[in-house]
Amino acid sequence: MTISLQECTNLICEAYRQFLPLGQAAPEVNAETRLFGANALLDSVTLVSLLVEVEQQINDTIGTEILLADDRAMSQKHSPFRNIGTLADYVLMLLSEKCEVA
């Protein structure tokens, strides 16, 4: 099974909404939504929880095994965790590599 960029982005947006702080007004959540740094609504612990949730949902949906927060992700010149769009791009890159190996 495959997943499109839009489907992946939507999955991440839905997961993100689950991790917003209680009482936080629900902002518009889209590919440009910051995951960390200036104007980000999640703290570092919540970001890690979000990444684990996204990882589990992707693995369950696709039937594969990808790791989002590993040495490779952390050593990138431009972090794949900047915003929802960059995370979705990173997920698709990992999935495409899995398909090439399989």
N, C-alpha and C. Protein backbone atom coordinates (compact mmCIF):
# COMPACT_ATOMS: atom_id res chain seq x y z
N MET A 1 0.84 -1.18 0.00
CA MET A 1 0.00 0.00 0.00
C MET A 1 0.88 1.25 0.00
N THR A 2 0.43 2.29 -0.64
CA THR A 2 1.17 3.55 -0.68
C THR A 2 0.32 4.65 -0.05
N ILE A 3 0.95 5.77 0.15
CA ILE A 3 0.27 6.93 0.72
C ILE A 3 0.75 8.16 -0.05
N SER A 4 -0.17 9.04 -0.36
CA SER A 4 0.18 10.26 -1.09
C SER A 4 0.69 11.32 -0.12
N LEU A 5 1.30 12.35 -0.68
CA LEU A 5 1.77 13.46 0.14
C LEU A 5 0.60 14.10 0.89
N GLN A 6 -0.53 14.29 0.22
CA GLN A 6 -1.69 14.91 0.87
C GLN A 6 -2.23 14.02 1.99
N GLU A 7 -2.30 12.71 1.74
CA GLU A 7 -2.78 11.79 2.78
C GLU A 7 -1.84 11.78 3.98
N CYS A 8 -0.56 11.81 3.72
CA CYS A 8 0.44 11.84 4.79
C CYS A 8 0.33 13.14 5.59
N THR A 9 0.21 14.25 4.88
CA THR A 9 0.06 15.55 5.54
C THR A 9 -1.19 15.57 6.39
N ASN A 10 -2.30 15.05 5.87
CA ASN A 10 -3.55 15.01 6.64
C ASN A 10 -3.41 14.15 7.89
N LEU A 11 -2.75 13.01 7.77
CA LEU A 11 -2.52 12.14 8.91
C LEU A 11 -1.74 12.88 9.99
N ILE A 12 -0.69 13.58 9.60
CA ILE A 12 0.14 14.31 10.55
C ILE A 12 -0.66 15.46 11.18
N CYS A 13 -1.46 16.15 10.38
CA CYS A 13 -2.29 17.25 10.90
C CYS A 13 -3.26 16.73 11.96
N GLU A 14 -3.89 15.60 11.70
CA GLU A 14 -4.83 15.02 12.66
C GLU A 14 -4.12 14.64 13.95
N ALA A 15 -2.97 14.02 13.83
CA ALA A 15 -2.19 13.63 15.01
C ALA A 15 -1.77 14.88 15.78
N TYR A 16 -1.34 15.92 15.07
CA TYR A 16 -0.91 17.17 15.71
C TYR A 16 -2.04 17.75 16.56
N ARG A 17 -3.24 17.77 16.02
CA ARG A 17 -4.39 18.33 16.75
C ARG A 17 -4.60 17.60 18.08
N GLN A 18 -4.31 16.31 18.13
CA GLN A 18 -4.48 15.52 19.35
C GLN A 18 -3.49 15.95 20.44
N PHE A 19 -2.39 16.53 20.05
CA PHE A 19 -1.34 16.86 21.00
C PHE A 19 -1.29 18.33 21.39
N LEU A 20 -2.24 19.12 20.89
CA LEU A 20 -2.27 20.53 21.28
C LEU A 20 -2.57 20.64 22.77
N PRO A 21 -1.97 21.60 23.44
CA PRO A 21 -2.23 21.78 24.88
C PRO A 21 -3.71 22.02 25.15
N LEU A 22 -4.20 21.46 26.24
CA LEU A 22 -5.60 21.67 26.62
C LEU A 22 -5.86 23.15 26.81
N GLY A 23 -7.00 23.58 26.36
CA GLY A 23 -7.36 24.99 26.49
C GLY A 23 -6.79 25.86 25.39
N GLN A 24 -5.94 25.29 24.56
CA GLN A 24 -5.33 26.03 23.45
C GLN A 24 -6.36 26.20 22.35
N ALA A 25 -6.56 27.43 21.91
CA ALA A 25 -7.46 27.66 20.79
C ALA A 25 -6.91 26.91 19.58
N ALA A 26 -7.77 26.18 18.91
CA ALA A 26 -7.33 25.36 17.77
C ALA A 26 -6.96 26.26 16.60
N PRO A 27 -5.66 26.35 16.30
CA PRO A 27 -5.24 27.14 15.16
C PRO A 27 -5.48 26.37 13.86
N GLU A 28 -5.34 27.06 12.75
CA GLU A 28 -5.38 26.35 11.48
C GLU A 28 -4.15 25.46 11.41
N VAL A 29 -4.36 24.20 11.14
CA VAL A 29 -3.26 23.24 11.07
C VAL A 29 -3.12 22.81 9.62
N ASN A 30 -1.91 23.02 9.06
CA ASN A 30 -1.66 22.65 7.66
C ASN A 30 -0.18 22.34 7.50
N ALA A 31 0.26 22.19 6.27
CA ALA A 31 1.65 21.81 6.00
C ALA A 31 2.65 22.83 6.53
N GLU A 32 2.24 24.08 6.69
CA GLU A 32 3.15 25.13 7.17
C GLU A 32 3.20 25.24 8.69
N THR A 33 2.40 24.46 9.40
CA THR A 33 2.37 24.52 10.86
C THR A 33 3.72 24.10 11.43
N ARG A 34 4.31 24.99 12.24
CA ARG A 34 5.63 24.75 12.84
C ARG A 34 5.53 23.66 13.89
N LEU A 35 6.52 22.75 13.91
CA LEU A 35 6.57 21.70 14.91
C LEU A 35 7.48 22.06 16.07
N PHE A 36 8.50 22.86 15.82
CA PHE A 36 9.35 23.33 16.92
C PHE A 36 9.94 24.67 16.55
N GLY A 37 10.54 25.32 17.53
CA GLY A 37 11.13 26.63 17.30
C GLY A 37 10.13 27.74 17.54
N ALA A 38 10.42 28.90 16.98
CA ALA A 38 9.57 30.07 17.16
C ALA A 38 8.16 29.79 16.65
N ASN A 39 7.18 30.20 17.42
CA ASN A 39 5.76 30.05 17.07
C ASN A 39 5.25 28.62 17.10
N ALA A 40 6.02 27.69 17.62
CA ALA A 40 5.55 26.30 17.74
C ALA A 40 4.73 26.17 19.03
N LEU A 41 3.68 25.38 18.96
CA LEU A 41 2.81 25.21 20.13
C LEU A 41 3.18 23.99 20.97
N LEU A 42 4.00 23.10 20.44
CA LEU A 42 4.36 21.89 21.17
C LEU A 42 5.71 22.04 21.85
N ASP A 43 5.82 21.50 23.07
CA ASP A 43 7.14 21.46 23.71
C ASP A 43 7.89 20.23 23.20
N SER A 44 9.14 20.08 23.61
CA SER A 44 9.97 19.01 23.04
C SER A 44 9.44 17.62 23.38
N VAL A 45 8.93 17.42 24.58
CA VAL A 45 8.40 16.11 24.97
C VAL A 45 7.16 15.78 24.15
N THR A 46 6.30 16.76 23.94
CA THR A 46 5.09 16.54 23.15
C THR A 46 5.44 16.30 21.69
N LEU A 47 6.47 16.97 21.19
CA LEU A 47 6.91 16.72 19.81
C LEU A 47 7.36 15.27 19.64
N VAL A 48 8.11 14.76 20.60
CA VAL A 48 8.54 13.36 20.54
C VAL A 48 7.33 12.44 20.55
N SER A 49 6.35 12.73 21.38
CA SER A 49 5.12 11.92 21.42
C SER A 49 4.39 11.97 20.08
N LEU A 50 4.35 13.14 19.48
CA LEU A 50 3.73 13.28 18.17
C LEU A 50 4.46 12.42 17.14
N LEU A 51 5.78 12.46 17.15
CA LEU A 51 6.56 11.68 16.19
C LEU A 51 6.31 10.18 16.36
N VAL A 52 6.22 9.73 17.60
CA VAL A 52 5.95 8.32 17.86
C VAL A 52 4.56 7.95 17.34
N GLU A 53 3.57 8.81 17.57
CA GLU A 53 2.21 8.55 17.10
C GLU A 53 2.16 8.50 15.57
N VAL A 54 2.81 9.44 14.91
CA VAL A 54 2.84 9.46 13.44
C VAL A 54 3.53 8.20 12.92
N GLU A 55 4.65 7.88 13.53
CA GLU A 55 5.40 6.68 13.14
C GLU A 55 4.50 5.44 13.24
N GLN A 56 3.79 5.28 14.35
CA GLN A 56 2.92 4.13 14.54
C GLN A 56 1.78 4.10 13.52
N GLN A 57 1.17 5.26 13.29
CA GLN A 57 0.07 5.30 12.33
C GLN A 57 0.54 4.97 10.92
N ILE A 58 1.68 5.51 10.53
CA ILE A 58 2.22 5.22 9.19
C ILE A 58 2.55 3.74 9.08
N ASN A 59 3.23 3.20 10.08
CA ASN A 59 3.60 1.78 10.04
C ASN A 59 2.37 0.88 9.99
N ASP A 60 1.34 1.23 10.76
CA ASP A 60 0.11 0.43 10.75
C ASP A 60 -0.62 0.56 9.42
N THR A 61 -0.67 1.77 8.87
CA THR A 61 -1.39 2.01 7.62
C THR A 61 -0.71 1.35 6.43
N ILE A 62 0.60 1.48 6.37
CA ILE A 62 1.36 1.00 5.22
C ILE A 62 1.82 -0.45 5.41
N GLY A 63 1.93 -0.88 6.65
CA GLY A 63 2.42 -2.23 6.91
C GLY A 63 3.91 -2.33 6.75
N THR A 64 4.61 -1.29 7.20
CA THR A 64 6.07 -1.26 7.10
C THR A 64 6.65 -0.84 8.44
N GLU A 65 7.93 -0.63 8.49
CA GLU A 65 8.60 -0.24 9.73
C GLU A 65 9.57 0.88 9.43
N ILE A 66 9.15 2.13 9.70
CA ILE A 66 10.07 3.26 9.55
C ILE A 66 10.32 3.87 10.91
N LEU A 67 11.48 4.51 11.05
CA LEU A 67 11.83 5.24 12.26
C LEU A 67 12.00 6.71 11.89
N LEU A 68 11.26 7.58 12.56
CA LEU A 68 11.34 9.00 12.23
C LEU A 68 12.46 9.72 12.97
N ALA A 69 12.61 9.43 14.25
CA ALA A 69 13.60 10.15 15.06
C ALA A 69 14.83 9.27 15.25
N ASP A 70 15.72 9.31 14.28
CA ASP A 70 16.95 8.54 14.36
C ASP A 70 18.13 9.44 14.06
N ASP A 71 19.33 8.88 14.07
CA ASP A 71 20.54 9.68 13.82
C ASP A 71 20.49 10.38 12.47
N ARG A 72 19.95 9.69 11.49
CA ARG A 72 19.87 10.28 10.15
C ARG A 72 19.02 11.55 10.16
N ALA A 73 17.87 11.49 10.79
CA ALA A 73 16.99 12.67 10.85
C ALA A 73 17.65 13.80 11.61
N MET A 74 18.31 13.46 12.70
CA MET A 74 18.93 14.49 13.55
C MET A 74 20.15 15.14 12.91
N SER A 75 20.79 14.44 11.97
CA SER A 75 22.01 14.96 11.37
C SER A 75 21.78 15.70 10.05
N GLN A 76 20.53 15.82 9.62
CA GLN A 76 20.23 16.52 8.37
C GLN A 76 20.54 18.01 8.50
N LYS A 77 21.01 18.59 7.41
CA LYS A 77 21.29 20.03 7.41
C LYS A 77 20.03 20.82 7.71
N HIS A 78 18.90 20.42 7.11
CA HIS A 78 17.61 21.05 7.36
C HIS A 78 16.72 20.00 8.01
N SER A 79 16.34 20.24 9.26
CA SER A 79 15.58 19.27 10.02
C SER A 79 14.26 18.91 9.33
N PRO A 80 13.93 17.63 9.28
CA PRO A 80 12.64 17.22 8.73
C PRO A 80 11.49 17.53 9.69
N PHE A 81 11.81 18.03 10.86
CA PHE A 81 10.80 18.31 11.87
C PHE A 81 10.45 19.79 11.99
N ARG A 82 10.84 20.59 11.01
CA ARG A 82 10.56 22.03 11.05
C ARG A 82 9.06 22.31 11.05
N ASN A 83 8.36 21.64 10.16
CA ASN A 83 6.91 21.85 10.07
C ASN A 83 6.25 20.56 9.56
N ILE A 84 4.94 20.57 9.49
CA ILE A 84 4.22 19.37 9.08
C ILE A 84 4.58 18.96 7.66
N GLY A 85 4.76 19.92 6.77
CA GLY A 85 5.12 19.62 5.39
C GLY A 85 6.46 18.94 5.26
N THR A 86 7.47 19.44 5.99
CA THR A 86 8.80 18.82 5.91
C THR A 86 8.78 17.42 6.51
N LEU A 87 7.95 17.22 7.55
CA LEU A 87 7.83 15.88 8.13
C LEU A 87 7.15 14.94 7.13
N ALA A 88 6.11 15.39 6.47
CA ALA A 88 5.44 14.56 5.47
C ALA A 88 6.40 14.19 4.34
N ASP A 89 7.20 15.14 3.88
CA ASP A 89 8.19 14.86 2.84
C ASP A 89 9.18 13.80 3.31
N TYR A 90 9.62 13.91 4.56
CA TYR A 90 10.58 12.97 5.12
C TYR A 90 9.98 11.57 5.22
N VAL A 91 8.73 11.49 5.67
CA VAL A 91 8.04 10.20 5.75
C VAL A 91 7.99 9.54 4.37
N LEU A 92 7.60 10.31 3.35
CA LEU A 92 7.52 9.75 1.99
C LEU A 92 8.88 9.32 1.47
N MET A 93 9.93 10.05 1.81
CA MET A 93 11.27 9.67 1.40
C MET A 93 11.64 8.33 2.04
N LEU A 94 11.37 8.18 3.33
CA LEU A 94 11.67 6.92 4.02
C LEU A 94 10.87 5.76 3.42
N LEU A 95 9.59 6.00 3.13
CA LEU A 95 8.76 4.96 2.54
C LEU A 95 9.24 4.57 1.14
N SER A 96 9.68 5.55 0.36
CA SER A 96 10.17 5.23 -0.98
C SER A 96 11.44 4.40 -0.90
N GLU A 97 12.28 4.68 0.07
CA GLU A 97 13.50 3.89 0.26
C GLU A 97 13.16 2.46 0.68
N LYS A 98 12.15 2.31 1.51
CA LYS A 98 11.71 0.97 1.92
C LYS A 98 11.23 0.17 0.71
N CYS A 99 10.50 0.84 -0.19
CA CYS A 99 9.97 0.16 -1.38
C CYS A 99 11.12 -0.26 -2.30
N GLU A 100 12.16 0.55 -2.39
CA GLU A 100 13.30 0.22 -3.25
C GLU A 100 14.04 -0.99 -2.72
N VAL A 101 14.10 -1.13 -1.39
CA VAL A 101 14.81 -2.24 -0.77
C VAL A 101 13.99 -3.52 -0.83
N ALA A 102 12.67 -3.39 -0.70
CA ALA A 102 11.79 -4.57 -0.62
C ALA A 102 11.79 -5.40 -1.88
